[in-house]
Amino acid sequence: MAFATAGGSNGPMADINVTPLVDVMLVLLIIFMLTAPLLSNKINIDLPVPSKKQRPPKAPDPIRLSVLPNGSLYWNDTPITEEGLRAQFFVIGVNPQEQQPELAIKVDKTTKYQLVANVMADAKNAGMTKVGFVSQ
């Protein structure tokens, strides 16, 4: 506390010391003066314009292939032979990758792996790229 000696009053001085307040305000003023021009810069970006003419092609329905433990195959719930399966794979494998349907292989837990491996090898040799498994 500061004490006043002049003027005859013996009580404490009631004036506020504004020097630290002015220092803080000057620092804030300088900070705002430096950051204000940075906030007003604009960046021009060319955004793509949506068009109703260009729609992505609809993905074809997936193919459900069931491999039973006895070795029989079902293409979308229709029985098919191994030769017919290879022929179907080659017909589908000719299409570009975007137009190929997904091959969803459904197997039973008692099916031998060799049967499933043969089906996957035939699909790969035919050029099919989208192969998945269906769980129960």
Foldseek 3Di string as FASTA:
>chain_A
DDADDPDPDGDRDPDDDCVVVVVVVVVVVVVCVVCVVVVPDDDDDDDDDDDPVDDDDDADEEWEWEAEQVGWIATNNHTDDPVRLLVVLLVQQVDPQRHHHAYEYEYDPNHDVVSVVVSVVSNVVSRHDHYYYDDD
